[in-house]
C-alpha atoms as a PDB file:
ATOM      1  CA  UNK A   1     222.671  33.539-105.949  1.00  0.00           C
ATOM      2  CA  UNK A   2     219.968  36.957-106.079  1.00  0.00           C
ATOM      3  CA  UNK A   3     216.583  36.144-107.583  1.00  0.00           C
ATOM      4  CA  UNK A   4     215.232  38.915-109.133  1.00  0.00           C
ATOM      5  CA  UNK A   5     211.346  39.915-109.572  1.00  0.00           C
ATOM      6  CA  UNK A   6     209.904  42.949-111.336  1.00  0.00           C
ATOM      7  CA  UNK A   7     206.519  44.510-109.864  1.00  0.00           C
ATOM      8  CA  UNK A   8     204.732  47.082-111.481  1.00  0.00           C
ATOM      9  CA  UNK A   9     206.330  47.266-114.597  1.00  0.00           C
ATOM     10  CA  UNK A  10     209.479  47.665-116.316  1.00  0.00           C
ATOM     11  CA  UNK A  11     210.752  50.417-114.516  1.00  0.00           C
ATOM     12  CA  UNK A  12     210.341  49.162-111.081  1.00  0.00           C
ATOM     13  CA  UNK A  13     213.634  48.190-108.813  1.00  0.00           C
ATOM     14  CA  UNK A  14     214.412  44.392-108.636  1.00  0.00           C
ATOM     15  CA  UNK A  15     214.143  43.282-104.981  1.00  0.00           C
ATOM     16  CA  UNK A  16     216.505  40.288-103.422  1.00  0.00           C
ATOM     17  CA  UNK A  17     214.685  38.013-102.355  1.00  0.00           C
ATOM     18  CA  UNK A  18     216.383  35.657 -99.328  1.00  0.00           C
ATOM     19  CA  UNK A  19     219.856  34.226-100.260  1.00  0.00           C
ATOM     20  CA  UNK A  20     219.926  30.440 -99.361  1.00  0.00           C
ATOM     21  CA  UNK A  21     222.875  28.861 -99.087  1.00  0.00           C
ATOM     22  CA  UNK A  22     223.731  25.112 -99.384  1.00  0.00           C
ATOM     23  CA  UNK A  23     225.129  25.296 -95.657  1.00  0.00           C
ATOM     24  CA  UNK A  24     221.735  26.306 -94.057  1.00  0.00           C
ATOM     25  CA  UNK A  25     219.904  23.442 -96.096  1.00  0.00           C
ATOM     26  CA  UNK A  26     222.426  20.834 -94.036  1.00  0.00           C
ATOM     27  CA  UNK A  27     221.831  22.176 -90.927  1.00  0.00           C
ATOM     28  CA  UNK A  28     218.145  22.915 -90.926  1.00  0.00           C
ATOM     29  CA  UNK A  29     216.333  19.543 -89.548  1.00  0.00           C
ATOM     30  CA  UNK A  30     214.311  17.792 -92.006  1.00  0.00           C
ATOM     31  CA  UNK A  31     210.190  17.923 -91.509  1.00  0.00           C
ATOM     32  CA  UNK A  32     209.324  14.279 -89.404  1.00  0.00           C
ATOM     33  CA  UNK A  33     213.226  14.113 -88.132  1.00  0.00           C
ATOM     34  CA  UNK A  34     214.161  12.299 -85.094  1.00  0.00           C
ATOM     35  CA  UNK A  35     216.741  15.432 -84.136  1.00  0.00           C
ATOM     36  CA  UNK A  36     219.689  13.261 -83.450  1.00  0.00           C
ATOM     37  CA  UNK A  37     221.912  11.152 -86.583  1.00  0.00           C
ATOM     38  CA  UNK A  38     221.564   7.566 -87.294  1.00  0.00           C
ATOM     39  CA  UNK A  39     223.864   5.753 -85.118  1.00  0.00           C
ATOM     40  CA  UNK A  40     226.290   3.100 -86.855  1.00  0.00           C
ATOM     41  CA  UNK A  41     225.412  -0.488 -87.316  1.00  0.00           C
ATOM     42  CA  UNK A  42     228.401  -1.958 -85.527  1.00  0.00           C
ATOM     43  CA  UNK A  43     226.852   0.739 -82.675  1.00  0.00           C
ATOM     44  CA  UNK A  44     223.430  -0.399 -82.976  1.00  0.00           C
ATOM     45  CA  UNK A  45     224.809  -3.829 -82.707  1.00  0.00           C
ATOM     46  CA  UNK A  46     227.088  -3.774 -79.830  1.00  0.00           C
ATOM     47  CA  UNK A  47     223.855  -1.974 -77.703  1.00  0.00           C
ATOM     48  CA  UNK A  48     221.577  -4.476 -78.489  1.00  0.00           C
ATOM     49  CA  UNK A  49     223.943  -7.433 -77.652  1.00  0.00           C
ATOM     50  CA  UNK A  50     224.629  -5.444 -74.575  1.00  0.00           C
ATOM     51  CA  UNK A  51     220.798  -5.000 -73.690  1.00  0.00           C
ATOM     52  CA  UNK A  52     220.494  -8.837 -74.366  1.00  0.00           C
ATOM     53  CA  UNK A  53     223.263  -9.659 -71.881  1.00  0.00           C
ATOM     54  CA  UNK A  54     221.581  -8.086 -69.422  1.00  0.00           C
ATOM     55  CA  UNK A  55     218.504  -9.334 -69.455  1.00  0.00           C
ATOM     56  CA  UNK A  56     219.847 -13.114 -69.521  1.00  0.00           C
ATOM     57  CA  UNK A  57     222.226 -12.269 -66.513  1.00  0.00           C
ATOM     58  CA  UNK A  58     219.208 -11.292 -64.966  1.00  0.00           C
ATOM     59  CA  UNK A  59     217.144 -14.054 -65.832  1.00  0.00           C
ATOM     60  CA  UNK A  60     219.768 -16.577 -64.382  1.00  0.00           C
ATOM     61  CA  UNK A  61     220.545 -14.655 -61.215  1.00  0.00           C
ATOM     62  CA  UNK A  62     216.823 -14.994 -60.501  1.00  0.00           C
ATOM     63  CA  UNK A  63     216.360 -18.325 -61.357  1.00  0.00           C
ATOM     64  CA  UNK A  64     219.567 -19.310 -59.298  1.00  0.00           C
ATOM     65  CA  UNK A  65     217.909 -17.563 -56.357  1.00  0.00           C
ATOM     66  CA  UNK A  66     214.795 -19.322 -56.893  1.00  0.00           C
ATOM     67  CA  UNK A  67     216.416 -22.498 -56.849  1.00  0.00           C
ATOM     68  CA  UNK A  68     218.484 -21.948 -53.798  1.00  0.00           C
ATOM     69  CA  UNK A  69     215.083 -20.719 -51.759  1.00  0.00           C
ATOM     70  CA  UNK A  70     213.571 -23.724 -53.060  1.00  0.00           C
ATOM     71  CA  UNK A  71     216.417 -26.160 -51.564  1.00  0.00           C
ATOM     72  CA  UNK A  72     216.257 -24.397 -48.193  1.00  0.00           C
ATOM     73  CA  UNK A  73     212.467 -25.287 -48.253  1.00  0.00           C
ATOM     74  CA  UNK A  74     213.393 -28.776 -48.801  1.00  0.00           C
ATOM     75  CA  UNK A  75     216.295 -28.885 -46.318  1.00  0.00           C
ATOM     76  CA  UNK A  76     213.911 -27.414 -43.801  1.00  0.00           C
ATOM     77  CA  UNK A  77     210.799 -30.449 -44.689  1.00  0.00           C
ATOM     78  CA  UNK A  78     213.788 -32.605 -44.710  1.00  0.00           C
ATOM     79  CA  UNK A  79     214.697 -31.565 -41.028  1.00  0.00           C
ATOM     80  CA  UNK A  80     210.740 -31.512 -39.937  1.00  0.00           C
ATOM     81  CA  UNK A  81     209.639 -34.340 -41.449  1.00  0.00           C
ATOM     82  CA  UNK A  82     206.468 -32.377 -42.966  1.00  0.00           C
ATOM     83  CA  UNK A  83     205.335 -34.349 -45.685  1.00  0.00           C
ATOM     84  CA  UNK A  84     203.489 -31.458 -47.003  1.00  0.00           C
ATOM     85  CA  UNK A  85     206.534 -29.682 -48.020  1.00  0.00           C
ATOM     86  CA  UNK A  86     208.759 -32.464 -49.146  1.00  0.00           C
ATOM     87  CA  UNK A  87     210.306 -32.578 -52.671  1.00  0.00           C
ATOM     88  CA  UNK A  88     207.781 -34.537 -55.238  1.00  0.00           C
ATOM     89  CA  UNK A  89     209.922 -37.864 -55.128  1.00  0.00           C
ATOM     90  CA  UNK A  90     209.507 -37.677 -51.005  1.00  0.00           C
ATOM     91  CA  UNK A  91     205.739 -37.102 -51.473  1.00  0.00           C
ATOM     92  CA  UNK A  92     204.767 -40.240 -53.240  1.00  0.00           C
ATOM     93  CA  UNK A  93     202.170 -41.987 -50.760  1.00  0.00           C
ATOM     94  CA  UNK A  94     204.662 -45.340 -51.443  1.00  0.00           C
ATOM     95  CA  UNK A  95     208.145 -43.517 -49.907  1.00  0.00           C
ATOM     96  CA  UNK A  96     205.714 -42.453 -47.155  1.00  0.00           C
ATOM     97  CA  UNK A  97     204.406 -45.822 -46.170  1.00  0.00           C
ATOM     98  CA  UNK A  98     208.415 -47.356 -46.608  1.00  0.00           C
ATOM     99  CA  UNK A  99     209.239 -44.386 -43.793  1.00  0.00           C
ATOM    100  CA  UNK A 100     206.789 -45.036 -41.729  1.00  0.00           C
ATOM    101  CA  UNK A 101     207.168 -48.342 -41.665  1.00  0.00           C
ATOM    102  CA  UNK A 102     210.817 -48.720 -41.084  1.00  0.00           C
ATOM    103  CA  UNK A 103     210.736 -46.331 -38.025  1.00  0.00           C
ATOM    104  CA  UNK A 104     208.148 -48.254 -36.480  1.00  0.00           C
ATOM    105  CA  UNK A 105     210.719 -51.397 -36.807  1.00  0.00           C
ATOM    106  CA  UNK A 106     213.691 -52.398 -34.853  1.00  0.00           C
ATOM    107  CA  UNK A 107     216.174 -52.803 -37.360  1.00  0.00           C
ATOM    108  CA  UNK A 108     219.502 -54.651 -37.339  1.00  0.00           C
ATOM    109  CA  UNK A 109     221.286 -51.370 -39.188  1.00  0.00           C
ATOM    110  CA  UNK A 110     221.953 -49.189 -36.276  1.00  0.00           C
ATOM    111  CA  UNK A 111     224.193 -52.176 -34.520  1.00  0.00           C
ATOM    112  CA  UNK A 112     226.037 -52.918 -37.585  1.00  0.00           C
ATOM    113  CA  UNK A 113     227.460 -49.874 -37.454  1.00  0.00           C
ATOM    114  CA  UNK A 114     228.559 -50.109 -33.667  1.00  0.00           C
ATOM    115  CA  UNK A 115     229.623 -53.863 -34.883  1.00  0.00           C
ATOM    116  CA  UNK A 116     232.005 -52.578 -37.457  1.00  0.00           C
ATOM    117  CA  UNK A 117     233.301 -49.586 -34.919  1.00  0.00           C
ATOM    118  CA  UNK A 118     234.341 -52.451 -32.911  1.00  0.00           C
ATOM    119  CA  UNK A 119     236.155 -54.289 -35.754  1.00  0.00           C
ATOM    120  CA  UNK A 120     238.077 -51.128 -36.842  1.00  0.00           C
ATOM    121  CA  UNK A 121     239.071 -50.769 -32.629  1.00  0.00           C
ATOM    122  CA  UNK A 122     239.960 -54.615 -32.520  1.00  0.00           C
ATOM    123  CA  UNK A 123     242.058 -54.829 -35.876  1.00  0.00           C
ATOM    124  CA  UNK A 124     244.478 -52.047 -34.099  1.00  0.00           C
ATOM    125  CA  UNK A 125     244.793 -54.272 -30.740  1.00  0.00           C
ATOM    126  CA  UNK A 126     247.806 -56.473 -31.330  1.00  0.00           C
ATOM    127  CA  UNK A 127     246.171 -59.423 -29.225  1.00  0.00           C
ATOM    128  CA  UNK A 128     245.192 -62.435 -31.479  1.00  0.00           C
ATOM    129  CA  UNK A 129     241.964 -63.281 -29.693  1.00  0.00           C
ATOM    130  CA  UNK A 130     240.902 -60.057 -29.853  1.00  0.00           C
ATOM    131  CA  UNK A 131     240.927 -59.662 -33.650  1.00  0.00           C
ATOM    132  CA  UNK A 132     239.602 -62.924 -33.662  1.00  0.00           C
ATOM    133  CA  UNK A 133     236.448 -61.801 -32.055  1.00  0.00           C
ATOM    134  CA  UNK A 134     236.443 -58.648 -33.867  1.00  0.00           C
ATOM    135  CA  UNK A 135     236.460 -60.311 -37.057  1.00  0.00           C
ATOM    136  CA  UNK A 136     233.811 -62.929 -36.135  1.00  0.00           C
ATOM    137  CA  UNK A 137     231.402 -60.123 -34.501  1.00  0.00           C
ATOM    138  CA  UNK A 138     231.979 -58.081 -38.065  1.00  0.00           C
ATOM    139  CA  UNK A 139     230.989 -61.532 -40.440  1.00  0.00           C
ATOM    140  CA  UNK A 140     227.604 -62.244 -38.033  1.00  0.00           C
ATOM    141  CA  UNK A 141     227.156 -58.650 -38.366  1.00  0.00           C
ATOM    142  CA  UNK A 142     227.420 -58.559 -42.163  1.00  0.00           C
ATOM    143  CA  UNK A 143     224.975 -62.044 -42.326  1.00  0.00           C
ATOM    144  CA  UNK A 144     222.419 -59.994 -39.954  1.00  0.00           C
ATOM    145  CA  UNK A 145     222.334 -56.922 -42.234  1.00  0.00           C
ATOM    146  CA  UNK A 146     221.719 -58.912 -45.423  1.00  0.00           C
ATOM    147  CA  UNK A 147     218.957 -61.200 -44.196  1.00  0.00           C
ATOM    148  CA  UNK A 148     216.939 -58.470 -41.754  1.00  0.00           C
ATOM    149  CA  UNK A 149     217.143 -56.225 -45.563  1.00  0.00           C
ATOM    150  CA  UNK A 150     215.787 -59.163 -47.218  1.00  0.00           C
ATOM    151  CA  UNK A 151     212.833 -59.556 -44.872  1.00  0.00           C
ATOM    152  CA  UNK A 152     212.566 -55.708 -44.637  1.00  0.00           C
ATOM    153  CA  UNK A 153     212.218 -55.281 -48.423  1.00  0.00           C
ATOM    154  CA  UNK A 154     209.903 -58.064 -48.497  1.00  0.00           C
ATOM    155  CA  UNK A 155     207.423 -56.911 -45.948  1.00  0.00           C
ATOM    156  CA  UNK A 156     207.433 -53.222 -47.142  1.00  0.00           C
ATOM    157  CA  UNK A 157     206.723 -54.462 -50.868  1.00  0.00           C
ATOM    158  CA  UNK A 158     203.891 -56.821 -49.721  1.00  0.00           C
ATOM    159  CA  UNK A 159     202.413 -53.305 -48.150  1.00  0.00           C
ATOM    160  CA  UNK A 160     202.849 -51.285 -51.063  1.00  0.00           C
ATOM    161  CA  UNK A 161     201.564 -54.019 -53.310  1.00  0.00           C
ATOM    162  CA  UNK A 162     198.512 -54.425 -50.979  1.00  0.00           C
ATOM    163  CA  UNK A 163     197.783 -50.650 -50.776  1.00  0.00           C
ATOM    164  CA  UNK A 164     198.571 -49.464 -53.930  1.00  0.00           C
ATOM    165  CA  UNK A 165     198.096 -52.600 -56.678  1.00  0.00           C
ATOM    166  CA  UNK A 166     199.020 -50.120 -60.030  1.00  0.00           C
ATOM    167  CA  UNK A 167     202.191 -48.324 -58.232  1.00  0.00           C
ATOM    168  CA  UNK A 168     205.570 -48.257 -59.875  1.00  0.00           C
ATOM    169  CA  UNK A 169     207.543 -46.718 -56.944  1.00  0.00           C
ATOM    170  CA  UNK A 170     210.455 -48.899 -56.082  1.00  0.00           C
ATOM    171  CA  UNK A 171     210.580 -48.908 -51.996  1.00  0.00           C
ATOM    172  CA  UNK A 172     212.919 -52.149 -51.220  1.00  0.00           C
ATOM    173  CA  UNK A 173     216.212 -50.503 -51.856  1.00  0.00           C
ATOM    174  CA  UNK A 174     214.881 -46.991 -50.401  1.00  0.00           C
ATOM    175  CA  UNK A 175     213.615 -48.692 -47.122  1.00  0.00           C
ATOM    176  CA  UNK A 176     216.872 -51.284 -47.053  1.00  0.00           C
ATOM    177  CA  UNK A 177     219.060 -47.980 -47.184  1.00  0.00           C
ATOM    178  CA  UNK A 178     216.924 -46.518 -44.605  1.00  0.00           C
ATOM    179  CA  UNK A 179     217.221 -49.171 -42.310  1.00  0.00           C
ATOM    180  CA  UNK A 180     221.022 -48.871 -42.120  1.00  0.00           C
ATOM    181  CA  UNK A 181     220.757 -45.692 -40.408  1.00  0.00           C
ATOM    182  CA  UNK A 182     220.257 -44.567 -37.048  1.00  0.00           C
ATOM    183  CA  UNK A 183     216.777 -42.937 -36.186  1.00  0.00           C
ATOM    184  CA  UNK A 184     218.188 -39.634 -35.953  1.00  0.00           C
ATOM    185  CA  UNK A 185     220.298 -39.353 -38.796  1.00  0.00           C
ATOM    186  CA  UNK A 186     217.505 -40.333 -41.286  1.00  0.00           C
ATOM    187  CA  UNK A 187     216.154 -37.824 -43.485  1.00  0.00           C
ATOM    188  CA  UNK A 188     213.310 -36.831 -43.982  1.00  0.00           C
ATOM    189  CA  UNK A 189     212.972 -37.247 -40.356  1.00  0.00           C
ATOM    190  CA  UNK A 190     211.008 -39.599 -38.822  1.00  0.00           C
ATOM    191  CA  UNK A 191     207.036 -38.512 -37.983  1.00  0.00           C
ATOM    192  CA  UNK A 192     206.160 -41.931 -36.425  1.00  0.00           C
ATOM    193  CA  UNK A 193     207.998 -44.101 -32.738  1.00  0.00           C
ATOM    194  CA  UNK A 194     208.556 -47.455 -32.494  1.00  0.00           C
ATOM    195  CA  UNK A 195     205.345 -47.559 -29.767  1.00  0.00           C
ATOM    196  CA  UNK A 196     202.856 -46.448 -33.101  1.00  0.00           C
ATOM    197  CA  UNK A 197     201.057 -49.372 -34.759  1.00  0.00           C
ATOM    198  CA  UNK A 198     202.936 -50.474 -38.124  1.00  0.00           C
ATOM    199  CA  UNK A 199     201.212 -49.210 -41.229  1.00  0.00           C
END
């Protein structure tokens, strides 16, 4: 639509101003606009969900990698016997004392394992006296292990109570289980020898 405007007076010719079409208004960018269409609500939600899922996956992967590295460090410390790098539970001074006491002591546990192997082999031999001897050896080994475990638990408990009177760390079963294994199978690795004085 042309807009007419007179200049000077009544005889002046009409001058047509710029004709603005509605389509031009739609295409022109708004003042202060972002220059792009607003995304739909569903698309915005999907984008946010994708970003959140990616962030969670990255966080879980980093935590898994950290746990794996920590487990490897603990394993290396258990194999070397380095107390300063062991898991917090194994670094307890009561457990260190119990381990050192067991490692400086001659225990019945490893001999019982040999008796168990002989009992198994003797059971395969079709000779009565051999089977009887294997059975007797096994029974004697069981009794010896039980007695040795009771004595060991009392000795360890007495030493822990004397050095750490307010301690609540349980060391009796821990020491007895360690004493059942041969020296080379024990974890953490022994840091003392049988020749060393008992703690």
